[in-house]
mmCIF file of all heavy atoms, coordinates in Angstrom:
data_MODEL
# 
_entry.id   MODEL 
# 
loop_
_atom_site.group_PDB 
_atom_site.id 
_atom_site.type_symbol 
_atom_site.label_atom_id 
_atom_site.label_alt_id 
_atom_site.label_comp_id 
_atom_site.label_asym_id 
_atom_site.label_entity_id 
_atom_site.label_seq_id 
_atom_site.pdbx_PDB_ins_code 
_atom_site.Cartn_x 
_atom_site.Cartn_y 
_atom_site.Cartn_z 
_atom_site.occupancy 
_atom_site.B_iso_or_equiv 
_atom_site.pdbx_formal_charge 
_atom_site.auth_seq_id 
_atom_site.auth_comp_id 
_atom_site.auth_asym_id 
_atom_site.auth_atom_id 
_atom_site.pdbx_PDB_model_num 
ATOM 1   N N   . PRO A 1 1  ? 54.809 104.747 72.244 1.00 0.00 ? 1  PRO A N   1 
ATOM 2   C CA  . PRO A 1 1  ? 54.455 103.899 71.105 1.00 0.00 ? 1  PRO A CA  1 
ATOM 3   C C   . PRO A 1 1  ? 55.600 103.036 70.590 1.00 0.00 ? 1  PRO A C   1 
ATOM 4   O O   . PRO A 1 1  ? 55.333 102.069 69.825 1.00 0.00 ? 1  PRO A O   1 
ATOM 5   C CB  . PRO A 1 1  ? 54.112 104.899 70.048 1.00 0.00 ? 1  PRO A CB  1 
ATOM 6   C CG  . PRO A 1 1  ? 54.961 106.149 70.384 1.00 0.00 ? 1  PRO A CG  1 
ATOM 7   C CD  . PRO A 1 1  ? 54.933 106.164 71.894 1.00 0.00 ? 1  PRO A CD  1 
ATOM 8   N N   . VAL A 1 2  ? 56.890 103.273 71.003 1.00 0.00 ? 2  VAL A N   1 
ATOM 9   C CA  . VAL A 1 2  ? 57.960 102.441 70.500 1.00 0.00 ? 2  VAL A CA  1 
ATOM 10  C C   . VAL A 1 2  ? 58.323 101.307 71.418 1.00 0.00 ? 2  VAL A C   1 
ATOM 11  O O   . VAL A 1 2  ? 59.241 100.526 71.152 1.00 0.00 ? 2  VAL A O   1 
ATOM 12  C CB  . VAL A 1 2  ? 59.221 103.312 70.235 1.00 0.00 ? 2  VAL A CB  1 
ATOM 13  C CG1 . VAL A 1 2  ? 58.949 104.340 69.214 1.00 0.00 ? 2  VAL A CG1 1 
ATOM 14  C CG2 . VAL A 1 2  ? 59.750 103.922 71.525 1.00 0.00 ? 2  VAL A CG2 1 
ATOM 15  N N   . ASN A 1 3  ? 57.570 101.119 72.526 1.00 0.00 ? 3  ASN A N   1 
ATOM 16  C CA  . ASN A 1 3  ? 57.825 100.027 73.449 1.00 0.00 ? 3  ASN A CA  1 
ATOM 17  C C   . ASN A 1 3  ? 57.734 98.683  72.643 1.00 0.00 ? 3  ASN A C   1 
ATOM 18  O O   . ASN A 1 3  ? 56.669 98.432  72.079 1.00 0.00 ? 3  ASN A O   1 
ATOM 19  C CB  . ASN A 1 3  ? 56.887 99.985  74.623 1.00 0.00 ? 3  ASN A CB  1 
ATOM 20  C CG  . ASN A 1 3  ? 57.299 100.896 75.772 1.00 0.00 ? 3  ASN A CG  1 
ATOM 21  O OD1 . ASN A 1 3  ? 58.318 101.553 75.660 1.00 0.00 ? 3  ASN A OD1 1 
ATOM 22  N ND2 . ASN A 1 3  ? 56.544 100.973 76.791 1.00 0.00 ? 3  ASN A ND2 1 
ATOM 23  N N   . GLY A 1 4  ? 58.725 97.862  72.794 1.00 0.00 ? 4  GLY A N   1 
ATOM 24  C CA  . GLY A 1 4  ? 58.643 96.570  72.198 1.00 0.00 ? 4  GLY A CA  1 
ATOM 25  C C   . GLY A 1 4  ? 58.972 96.505  70.753 1.00 0.00 ? 4  GLY A C   1 
ATOM 26  O O   . GLY A 1 4  ? 58.988 95.403  70.165 1.00 0.00 ? 4  GLY A O   1 
ATOM 27  N N   . LEU A 1 5  ? 59.233 97.590  70.080 1.00 0.00 ? 5  LEU A N   1 
ATOM 28  C CA  . LEU A 1 5  ? 59.545 97.582  68.685 1.00 0.00 ? 5  LEU A CA  1 
ATOM 29  C C   . LEU A 1 5  ? 60.985 97.353  68.429 1.00 0.00 ? 5  LEU A C   1 
ATOM 30  O O   . LEU A 1 5  ? 61.885 97.766  69.204 1.00 0.00 ? 5  LEU A O   1 
ATOM 31  C CB  . LEU A 1 5  ? 59.101 98.882  68.042 1.00 0.00 ? 5  LEU A CB  1 
ATOM 32  C CG  . LEU A 1 5  ? 57.614 99.240  67.936 1.00 0.00 ? 5  LEU A CG  1 
ATOM 33  C CD1 . LEU A 1 5  ? 57.419 100.534 67.310 1.00 0.00 ? 5  LEU A CD1 1 
ATOM 34  C CD2 . LEU A 1 5  ? 56.871 98.172  67.201 1.00 0.00 ? 5  LEU A CD2 1 
ATOM 35  N N   . ASP A 1 6  ? 61.381 96.612  67.320 1.00 0.00 ? 6  ASP A N   1 
ATOM 36  C CA  . ASP A 1 6  ? 62.748 96.339  66.976 1.00 0.00 ? 6  ASP A CA  1 
ATOM 37  C C   . ASP A 1 6  ? 63.244 97.640  66.312 1.00 0.00 ? 6  ASP A C   1 
ATOM 38  O O   . ASP A 1 6  ? 62.448 98.585  66.036 1.00 0.00 ? 6  ASP A O   1 
ATOM 39  C CB  . ASP A 1 6  ? 62.849 95.172  66.112 1.00 0.00 ? 6  ASP A CB  1 
ATOM 40  C CG  . ASP A 1 6  ? 62.013 95.234  64.837 1.00 0.00 ? 6  ASP A CG  1 
ATOM 41  O OD1 . ASP A 1 6  ? 61.561 96.317  64.466 1.00 0.00 ? 6  ASP A OD1 1 
ATOM 42  O OD2 . ASP A 1 6  ? 61.821 94.153  64.237 1.00 0.00 ? 6  ASP A OD2 1 
ATOM 43  N N   . PRO A 1 7  ? 64.523 97.700  65.974 1.00 0.00 ? 7  PRO A N   1 
ATOM 44  C CA  . PRO A 1 7  ? 65.051 98.933  65.299 1.00 0.00 ? 7  PRO A CA  1 
ATOM 45  C C   . PRO A 1 7  ? 64.340 99.309  64.064 1.00 0.00 ? 7  PRO A C   1 
ATOM 46  O O   . PRO A 1 7  ? 64.126 100.534 63.844 1.00 0.00 ? 7  PRO A O   1 
ATOM 47  C CB  . PRO A 1 7  ? 66.516 98.557  65.003 1.00 0.00 ? 7  PRO A CB  1 
ATOM 48  C CG  . PRO A 1 7  ? 66.922 97.625  66.116 1.00 0.00 ? 7  PRO A CG  1 
ATOM 49  C CD  . PRO A 1 7  ? 65.632 96.782  66.335 1.00 0.00 ? 7  PRO A CD  1 
ATOM 50  N N   . GLU A 1 8  ? 63.959 98.350  63.213 1.00 0.00 ? 8  GLU A N   1 
ATOM 51  C CA  . GLU A 1 8  ? 63.157 98.666  62.024 1.00 0.00 ? 8  GLU A CA  1 
ATOM 52  C C   . GLU A 1 8  ? 61.841 99.304  62.434 1.00 0.00 ? 8  GLU A C   1 
ATOM 53  O O   . GLU A 1 8  ? 61.397 100.249 61.773 1.00 0.00 ? 8  GLU A O   1 
ATOM 54  C CB  . GLU A 1 8  ? 63.015 97.378  61.170 1.00 0.00 ? 8  GLU A CB  1 
ATOM 55  C CG  . GLU A 1 8  ? 62.322 97.587  59.801 1.00 0.00 ? 8  GLU A CG  1 
ATOM 56  C CD  . GLU A 1 8  ? 60.794 97.675  59.911 1.00 0.00 ? 8  GLU A CD  1 
ATOM 57  O OE1 . GLU A 1 8  ? 60.225 97.037  60.837 1.00 0.00 ? 8  GLU A OE1 1 
ATOM 58  O OE2 . GLU A 1 8  ? 60.150 98.315  59.076 1.00 0.00 ? 8  GLU A OE2 1 
ATOM 59  N N   . GLY A 1 9  ? 61.212 98.771  63.421 1.00 0.00 ? 9  GLY A N   1 
ATOM 60  C CA  . GLY A 1 9  ? 59.923 99.260  63.817 1.00 0.00 ? 9  GLY A CA  1 
ATOM 61  C C   . GLY A 1 9  ? 59.983 100.627 64.395 1.00 0.00 ? 9  GLY A C   1 
ATOM 62  O O   . GLY A 1 9  ? 59.143 101.460 64.240 1.00 0.00 ? 9  GLY A O   1 
ATOM 63  N N   . ILE A 1 10 ? 61.133 100.971 65.156 1.00 0.00 ? 10 ILE A N   1 
ATOM 64  C CA  . ILE A 1 10 ? 61.279 102.264 65.770 1.00 0.00 ? 10 ILE A CA  1 
ATOM 65  C C   . ILE A 1 10 ? 61.485 103.252 64.638 1.00 0.00 ? 10 ILE A C   1 
ATOM 66  O O   . ILE A 1 10 ? 60.970 104.378 64.681 1.00 0.00 ? 10 ILE A O   1 
ATOM 67  C CB  . ILE A 1 10 ? 62.510 102.198 66.681 1.00 0.00 ? 10 ILE A CB  1 
ATOM 68  C CG1 . ILE A 1 10 ? 62.187 101.387 67.948 1.00 0.00 ? 10 ILE A CG1 1 
ATOM 69  C CG2 . ILE A 1 10 ? 62.903 103.613 67.130 1.00 0.00 ? 10 ILE A CG2 1 
ATOM 70  C CD1 . ILE A 1 10 ? 63.331 101.148 68.901 1.00 0.00 ? 10 ILE A CD1 1 
ATOM 71  N N   . LEU A 1 11 ? 62.285 102.895 63.644 1.00 0.00 ? 11 LEU A N   1 
ATOM 72  C CA  . LEU A 1 11 ? 62.495 103.863 62.487 1.00 0.00 ? 11 LEU A CA  1 
ATOM 73  C C   . LEU A 1 11 ? 61.164 104.037 61.774 1.00 0.00 ? 11 LEU A C   1 
ATOM 74  O O   . LEU A 1 11 ? 60.855 105.197 61.437 1.00 0.00 ? 11 LEU A O   1 
ATOM 75  C CB  . LEU A 1 11 ? 63.509 103.260 61.530 1.00 0.00 ? 11 LEU A CB  1 
ATOM 76  C CG  . LEU A 1 11 ? 63.765 104.019 60.266 1.00 0.00 ? 11 LEU A CG  1 
ATOM 77  C CD1 . LEU A 1 11 ? 64.323 105.443 60.586 1.00 0.00 ? 11 LEU A CD1 1 
ATOM 78  C CD2 . LEU A 1 11 ? 64.736 103.253 59.356 1.00 0.00 ? 11 LEU A CD2 1 
ATOM 79  N N   . TRP A 1 12 ? 60.345 102.987 61.617 1.00 0.00 ? 12 TRP A N   1 
ATOM 80  C CA  . TRP A 1 12 ? 59.080 103.168 60.987 1.00 0.00 ? 12 TRP A CA  1 
ATOM 81  C C   . TRP A 1 12 ? 58.166 104.108 61.714 1.00 0.00 ? 12 TRP A C   1 
ATOM 82  O O   . TRP A 1 12 ? 57.577 105.002 61.129 1.00 0.00 ? 12 TRP A O   1 
ATOM 83  C CB  . TRP A 1 12 ? 58.381 101.769 60.815 1.00 0.00 ? 12 TRP A CB  1 
ATOM 84  C CG  . TRP A 1 12 ? 56.964 101.881 60.430 1.00 0.00 ? 12 TRP A CG  1 
ATOM 85  C CD1 . TRP A 1 12 ? 56.494 102.173 59.185 1.00 0.00 ? 12 TRP A CD1 1 
ATOM 86  C CD2 . TRP A 1 12 ? 55.847 101.828 61.325 1.00 0.00 ? 12 TRP A CD2 1 
ATOM 87  N NE1 . TRP A 1 12 ? 55.070 102.259 59.204 1.00 0.00 ? 12 TRP A NE1 1 
ATOM 88  C CE2 . TRP A 1 12 ? 54.660 102.017 60.482 1.00 0.00 ? 12 TRP A CE2 1 
ATOM 89  C CE3 . TRP A 1 12 ? 55.675 101.547 62.626 1.00 0.00 ? 12 TRP A CE3 1 
ATOM 90  C CZ2 . TRP A 1 12 ? 53.400 101.990 60.996 1.00 0.00 ? 12 TRP A CZ2 1 
ATOM 91  C CZ3 . TRP A 1 12 ? 54.324 101.517 63.206 1.00 0.00 ? 12 TRP A CZ3 1 
ATOM 92  C CH2 . TRP A 1 12 ? 53.263 101.745 62.335 1.00 0.00 ? 12 TRP A CH2 1 
ATOM 93  N N   . ILE A 1 13 ? 57.999 103.979 63.061 1.00 0.00 ? 13 ILE A N   1 
ATOM 94  C CA  . ILE A 1 13 ? 57.080 104.794 63.843 1.00 0.00 ? 13 ILE A CA  1 
ATOM 95  C C   . ILE A 1 13 ? 57.597 106.254 63.816 1.00 0.00 ? 13 ILE A C   1 
ATOM 96  O O   . ILE A 1 13 ? 56.820 107.175 63.772 1.00 0.00 ? 13 ILE A O   1 
ATOM 97  C CB  . ILE A 1 13 ? 56.869 104.281 65.248 1.00 0.00 ? 13 ILE A CB  1 
ATOM 98  C CG1 . ILE A 1 13 ? 55.772 105.071 65.934 1.00 0.00 ? 13 ILE A CG1 1 
ATOM 99  C CG2 . ILE A 1 13 ? 58.149 104.290 66.043 1.00 0.00 ? 13 ILE A CG2 1 
ATOM 100 C CD1 . ILE A 1 13 ? 54.463 104.950 65.307 1.00 0.00 ? 13 ILE A CD1 1 
ATOM 101 N N   . ARG A 1 14 ? 58.931 106.438 63.830 1.00 0.00 ? 14 ARG A N   1 
ATOM 102 C CA  . ARG A 1 14 ? 59.502 107.787 63.801 1.00 0.00 ? 14 ARG A CA  1 
ATOM 103 C C   . ARG A 1 14 ? 59.040 108.461 62.426 1.00 0.00 ? 14 ARG A C   1 
ATOM 104 O O   . ARG A 1 14 ? 58.517 109.587 62.456 1.00 0.00 ? 14 ARG A O   1 
ATOM 105 C CB  . ARG A 1 14 ? 61.019 107.755 63.857 1.00 0.00 ? 14 ARG A CB  1 
ATOM 106 C CG  . ARG A 1 14 ? 61.615 109.172 63.745 1.00 0.00 ? 14 ARG A CG  1 
ATOM 107 C CD  . ARG A 1 14 ? 63.059 109.079 63.313 1.00 0.00 ? 14 ARG A CD  1 
ATOM 108 N NE  . ARG A 1 14 ? 63.876 108.180 64.135 1.00 0.00 ? 14 ARG A NE  1 
ATOM 109 C CZ  . ARG A 1 14 ? 65.086 107.740 63.773 1.00 0.00 ? 14 ARG A CZ  1 
ATOM 110 N NH1 . ARG A 1 14 ? 65.644 108.105 62.656 1.00 0.00 ? 14 ARG A NH1 1 
ATOM 111 N NH2 . ARG A 1 14 ? 65.759 106.911 64.590 1.00 0.00 ? 14 ARG A NH2 1 
ATOM 112 N N   . GLN A 1 15 ? 59.294 107.793 61.347 1.00 0.00 ? 15 GLN A N   1 
ATOM 113 C CA  . GLN A 1 15 ? 58.946 108.347 60.060 1.00 0.00 ? 15 GLN A CA  1 
ATOM 114 C C   . GLN A 1 15 ? 57.455 108.476 59.916 1.00 0.00 ? 15 GLN A C   1 
ATOM 115 O O   . GLN A 1 15 ? 56.977 109.461 59.289 1.00 0.00 ? 15 GLN A O   1 
ATOM 116 C CB  . GLN A 1 15 ? 59.523 107.428 58.917 1.00 0.00 ? 15 GLN A CB  1 
ATOM 117 C CG  . GLN A 1 15 ? 61.037 107.433 58.939 1.00 0.00 ? 15 GLN A CG  1 
ATOM 118 C CD  . GLN A 1 15 ? 61.637 106.429 57.912 1.00 0.00 ? 15 GLN A CD  1 
ATOM 119 O OE1 . GLN A 1 15 ? 60.957 105.511 57.564 1.00 0.00 ? 15 GLN A OE1 1 
ATOM 120 N NE2 . GLN A 1 15 ? 62.874 106.626 57.566 1.00 0.00 ? 15 GLN A NE2 1 
ATOM 121 N N   . PHE A 1 16 ? 56.675 107.547 60.458 1.00 0.00 ? 16 PHE A N   1 
ATOM 122 C CA  . PHE A 1 16 ? 55.263 107.648 60.424 1.00 0.00 ? 16 PHE A CA  1 
ATOM 123 C C   . PHE A 1 16 ? 54.684 108.827 61.135 1.00 0.00 ? 16 PHE A C   1 
ATOM 124 O O   . PHE A 1 16 ? 53.896 109.612 60.583 1.00 0.00 ? 16 PHE A O   1 
ATOM 125 C CB  . PHE A 1 16 ? 54.704 106.365 61.045 1.00 0.00 ? 16 PHE A CB  1 
ATOM 126 C CG  . PHE A 1 16 ? 53.163 106.239 61.041 1.00 0.00 ? 16 PHE A CG  1 
ATOM 127 C CD1 . PHE A 1 16 ? 52.466 106.106 59.866 1.00 0.00 ? 16 PHE A CD1 1 
ATOM 128 C CD2 . PHE A 1 16 ? 52.421 106.280 62.195 1.00 0.00 ? 16 PHE A CD2 1 
ATOM 129 C CE1 . PHE A 1 16 ? 51.065 105.994 59.772 1.00 0.00 ? 16 PHE A CE1 1 
ATOM 130 C CE2 . PHE A 1 16 ? 51.110 106.180 62.187 1.00 0.00 ? 16 PHE A CE2 1 
ATOM 131 C CZ  . PHE A 1 16 ? 50.410 106.003 60.981 1.00 0.00 ? 16 PHE A CZ  1 
ATOM 132 N N   . MET A 1 17 ? 55.196 109.111 62.372 1.00 0.00 ? 17 MET A N   1 
ATOM 133 C CA  . MET A 1 17 ? 54.711 110.276 63.106 1.00 0.00 ? 17 MET A CA  1 
ATOM 134 C C   . MET A 1 17 ? 55.109 111.557 62.419 1.00 0.00 ? 17 MET A C   1 
ATOM 135 O O   . MET A 1 17 ? 54.360 112.542 62.403 1.00 0.00 ? 17 MET A O   1 
ATOM 136 C CB  . MET A 1 17 ? 55.275 110.188 64.549 1.00 0.00 ? 17 MET A CB  1 
ATOM 137 C CG  . MET A 1 17 ? 54.632 109.118 65.369 1.00 0.00 ? 17 MET A CG  1 
ATOM 138 S SD  . MET A 1 17 ? 55.086 109.192 67.137 1.00 0.00 ? 17 MET A SD  1 
ATOM 139 C CE  . MET A 1 17 ? 56.825 108.850 67.119 1.00 0.00 ? 17 MET A CE  1 
ATOM 140 N N   . GLN A 1 18 ? 56.339 111.629 61.864 1.00 0.00 ? 18 GLN A N   1 
ATOM 141 C CA  . GLN A 1 18 ? 56.759 112.800 61.216 1.00 0.00 ? 18 GLN A CA  1 
ATOM 142 C C   . GLN A 1 18 ? 55.944 113.084 59.934 1.00 0.00 ? 18 GLN A C   1 
ATOM 143 O O   . GLN A 1 18 ? 55.655 114.185 59.653 1.00 0.00 ? 18 GLN A O   1 
ATOM 144 C CB  . GLN A 1 18 ? 58.258 112.738 60.901 1.00 0.00 ? 18 GLN A CB  1 
ATOM 145 C CG  . GLN A 1 18 ? 59.151 112.846 62.130 1.00 0.00 ? 18 GLN A CG  1 
ATOM 146 C CD  . GLN A 1 18 ? 60.605 112.580 61.840 1.00 0.00 ? 18 GLN A CD  1 
ATOM 147 O OE1 . GLN A 1 18 ? 60.964 111.876 60.870 1.00 0.00 ? 18 GLN A OE1 1 
ATOM 148 N NE2 . GLN A 1 18 ? 61.501 113.144 62.694 1.00 0.00 ? 18 GLN A NE2 1 
ATOM 149 N N   . ALA A 1 19 ? 55.572 112.017 59.245 1.00 0.00 ? 19 ALA A N   1 
ATOM 150 C CA  . ALA A 1 19 ? 54.748 112.138 58.038 1.00 0.00 ? 19 ALA A CA  1 
ATOM 151 C C   . ALA A 1 19 ? 53.316 112.642 58.445 1.00 0.00 ? 19 ALA A C   1 
ATOM 152 O O   . ALA A 1 19 ? 52.737 113.470 57.686 1.00 0.00 ? 19 ALA A O   1 
ATOM 153 C CB  . ALA A 1 19 ? 54.634 110.781 57.334 1.00 0.00 ? 19 ALA A CB  1 
ATOM 154 N N   . LEU A 1 20 ? 52.780 112.165 59.492 1.00 0.00 ? 20 LEU A N   1 
ATOM 155 C CA  . LEU A 1 20 ? 51.471 112.683 59.977 1.00 0.00 ? 20 LEU A CA  1 
ATOM 156 C C   . LEU A 1 20 ? 51.553 114.135 60.268 1.00 0.00 ? 20 LEU A C   1 
ATOM 157 O O   . LEU A 1 20 ? 50.619 114.906 59.904 1.00 0.00 ? 20 LEU A O   1 
ATOM 158 C CB  . LEU A 1 20 ? 51.055 111.828 61.194 1.00 0.00 ? 20 LEU A CB  1 
ATOM 159 C CG  . LEU A 1 20 ? 50.678 110.361 60.995 1.00 0.00 ? 20 LEU A CG  1 
ATOM 160 C CD1 . LEU A 1 20 ? 50.491 109.744 62.338 1.00 0.00 ? 20 LEU A CD1 1 
ATOM 161 C CD2 . LEU A 1 20 ? 49.439 110.216 60.132 1.00 0.00 ? 20 LEU A CD2 1 
ATOM 162 N N   . ALA A 1 21 ? 52.585 114.563 60.969 1.00 0.00 ? 21 ALA A N   1 
ATOM 163 C CA  . ALA A 1 21 ? 52.711 115.979 61.317 1.00 0.00 ? 21 ALA A CA  1 
ATOM 164 C C   . ALA A 1 21 ? 52.901 116.795 60.065 1.00 0.00 ? 21 ALA A C   1 
ATOM 165 O O   . ALA A 1 21 ? 52.369 117.907 59.946 1.00 0.00 ? 21 ALA A O   1 
ATOM 166 C CB  . ALA A 1 21 ? 53.950 116.180 62.266 1.00 0.00 ? 21 ALA A CB  1 
ATOM 167 N N   . ALA A 1 22 ? 53.636 116.278 59.085 1.00 0.00 ? 22 ALA A N   1 
ATOM 168 C CA  . ALA A 1 22 ? 53.854 117.027 57.812 1.00 0.00 ? 22 ALA A CA  1 
ATOM 169 C C   . ALA A 1 22 ? 52.569 117.222 57.077 1.00 0.00 ? 22 ALA A C   1 
ATOM 170 O O   . ALA A 1 22 ? 52.435 118.185 56.266 1.00 0.00 ? 22 ALA A O   1 
ATOM 171 C CB  . ALA A 1 22 ? 54.877 116.249 56.942 1.00 0.00 ? 22 ALA A CB  1 
ATOM 172 N N   . GLU A 1 23 ? 51.531 116.412 57.347 1.00 0.00 ? 23 GLU A N   1 
ATOM 173 C CA  . GLU A 1 23 ? 50.216 116.566 56.705 1.00 0.00 ? 23 GLU A CA  1 
ATOM 174 C C   . GLU A 1 23 ? 49.401 117.620 57.430 1.00 0.00 ? 23 GLU A C   1 
ATOM 175 O O   . GLU A 1 23 ? 48.288 117.891 57.018 1.00 0.00 ? 23 GLU A O   1 
ATOM 176 C CB  . GLU A 1 23 ? 49.528 115.262 56.706 1.00 0.00 ? 23 GLU A CB  1 
ATOM 177 C CG  . GLU A 1 23 ? 50.085 114.239 55.806 1.00 0.00 ? 23 GLU A CG  1 
ATOM 178 C CD  . GLU A 1 23 ? 49.469 112.789 55.991 1.00 0.00 ? 23 GLU A CD  1 
ATOM 179 O OE1 . GLU A 1 23 ? 48.583 112.694 56.841 1.00 0.00 ? 23 GLU A OE1 1 
ATOM 180 O OE2 . GLU A 1 23 ? 49.878 111.872 55.208 1.00 0.00 ? 23 GLU A OE2 1 
ATOM 181 N N   . GLY A 1 24 ? 49.965 118.217 58.477 1.00 0.00 ? 24 GLY A N   1 
ATOM 182 C CA  . GLY A 1 24 ? 49.261 119.224 59.254 1.00 0.00 ? 24 GLY A CA  1 
ATOM 183 C C   . GLY A 1 24 ? 48.512 118.717 60.455 1.00 0.00 ? 24 GLY A C   1 
ATOM 184 O O   . GLY A 1 24 ? 47.784 119.517 61.135 1.00 0.00 ? 24 GLY A O   1 
ATOM 185 N N   . ARG A 1 25 ? 48.715 117.444 60.805 1.00 0.00 ? 25 ARG A N   1 
ATOM 186 C CA  . ARG A 1 25 ? 48.042 116.891 61.995 1.00 0.00 ? 25 ARG A CA  1 
ATOM 187 C C   . ARG A 1 25 ? 48.767 117.235 63.274 1.00 0.00 ? 25 ARG A C   1 
ATOM 188 O O   . ARG A 1 25 ? 49.973 117.628 63.279 1.00 0.00 ? 25 ARG A O   1 
ATOM 189 C CB  . ARG A 1 25 ? 47.916 115.389 61.860 1.00 0.00 ? 25 ARG A CB  1 
ATOM 190 C CG  . ARG A 1 25 ? 47.312 114.894 60.604 1.00 0.00 ? 25 ARG A CG  1 
ATOM 191 C CD  . ARG A 1 25 ? 47.118 113.448 60.619 1.00 0.00 ? 25 ARG A CD  1 
ATOM 192 N NE  . ARG A 1 25 ? 47.018 112.866 59.285 1.00 0.00 ? 25 ARG A NE  1 
ATOM 193 C CZ  . ARG A 1 25 ? 46.087 112.007 58.855 1.00 0.00 ? 25 ARG A CZ  1 
ATOM 194 N NH1 . ARG A 1 25 ? 45.139 111.608 59.679 1.00 0.00 ? 25 ARG A NH1 1 
ATOM 195 N NH2 . ARG A 1 25 ? 46.115 111.499 57.643 1.00 0.00 ? 25 ARG A NH2 1 
ATOM 196 N N   . THR A 1 26 ? 48.107 117.211 64.416 1.00 0.00 ? 26 THR A N   1 
ATOM 197 C CA  . THR A 1 26 ? 48.725 117.372 65.657 1.00 0.00 ? 26 THR A CA  1 
ATOM 198 C C   . THR A 1 26 ? 49.125 116.029 66.180 1.00 0.00 ? 26 THR A C   1 
ATOM 199 O O   . THR A 1 26 ? 48.358 115.086 66.276 1.00 0.00 ? 26 THR A O   1 
ATOM 200 C CB  . THR A 1 26 ? 47.660 117.967 66.677 1.00 0.00 ? 26 THR A CB  1 
ATOM 201 O OG1 . THR A 1 26 ? 47.206 119.254 66.142 1.00 0.00 ? 26 THR A OG1 1 
ATOM 202 C CG2 . THR A 1 26 ? 48.243 118.137 68.053 1.00 0.00 ? 26 THR A CG2 1 
ATOM 203 N N   . VAL A 1 27 ? 50.426 115.862 66.518 1.00 0.00 ? 27 VAL A N   1 
ATOM 204 C CA  . VAL A 1 27 ? 51.016 114.601 67.013 1.00 0.00 ? 27 VAL A CA  1 
ATOM 205 C C   . VAL A 1 27 ? 51.645 114.856 68.388 1.00 0.00 ? 27 VAL A C   1 
ATOM 206 O O   . VAL A 1 27 ? 52.560 115.651 68.469 1.00 0.00 ? 27 VAL A O   1 
ATOM 207 C CB  . VAL A 1 27 ? 52.008 114.067 66.017 1.00 0.00 ? 27 VAL A CB  1 
ATOM 208 C CG1 . VAL A 1 27 ? 52.546 112.739 66.489 1.00 0.00 ? 27 VAL A CG1 1 
ATOM 209 C CG2 . VAL A 1 27 ? 51.395 113.931 64.622 1.00 0.00 ? 27 VAL A CG2 1 
ATOM 210 N N   . PHE A 1 28 ? 51.062 114.185 69.373 1.00 0.00 ? 28 PHE A N   1 
ATOM 211 C CA  . PHE A 1 28 ? 51.519 114.356 70.776 1.00 0.00 ? 28 PHE A CA  1 
ATOM 212 C C   . PHE A 1 28 ? 51.963 112.956 71.269 1.00 0.00 ? 28 PHE A C   1 
ATOM 213 O O   . PHE A 1 28 ? 51.208 112.059 71.279 1.00 0.00 ? 28 PHE A O   1 
ATOM 214 C CB  . PHE A 1 28 ? 50.390 114.883 71.555 1.00 0.00 ? 28 PHE A CB  1 
ATOM 215 C CG  . PHE A 1 28 ? 50.767 115.356 72.959 1.00 0.00 ? 28 PHE A CG  1 
ATOM 216 C CD1 . PHE A 1 28 ? 51.893 116.077 73.214 1.00 0.00 ? 28 PHE A CD1 1 
ATOM 217 C CD2 . PHE A 1 28 ? 49.876 115.098 74.065 1.00 0.00 ? 28 PHE A CD2 1 
ATOM 218 C CE1 . PHE A 1 28 ? 52.183 116.486 74.523 1.00 0.00 ? 28 PHE A CE1 1 
ATOM 219 C CE2 . PHE A 1 28 ? 50.142 115.519 75.352 1.00 0.00 ? 28 PHE A CE2 1 
ATOM 220 C CZ  . PHE A 1 28 ? 51.374 116.270 75.561 1.00 0.00 ? 28 PHE A CZ  1 
ATOM 221 N N   . VAL A 1 29 ? 53.244 112.847 71.602 1.00 0.00 ? 29 VAL A N   1 
ATOM 222 C CA  . VAL A 1 29 ? 53.812 111.538 71.875 1.00 0.00 ? 29 VAL A CA  1 
ATOM 223 C C   . VAL A 1 29 ? 54.642 111.529 73.168 1.00 0.00 ? 29 VAL A C   1 
ATOM 224 O O   . VAL A 1 29 ? 55.535 112.380 73.291 1.00 0.00 ? 29 VAL A O   1 
ATOM 225 C CB  . VAL A 1 29 ? 54.533 110.902 70.693 1.00 0.00 ? 29 VAL A CB  1 
ATOM 226 C CG1 . VAL A 1 29 ? 55.653 111.894 70.246 1.00 0.00 ? 29 VAL A CG1 1 
ATOM 227 C CG2 . VAL A 1 29 ? 55.121 109.529 71.017 1.00 0.00 ? 29 VAL A CG2 1 
# 
């Protein structure tokens, strides 16, 4: 999912996935 993302975008997707997991979701990447 981080292909082509700039540093800000990479940080965003990292925090986004961790937030989804914190809600109890299953995140497979």
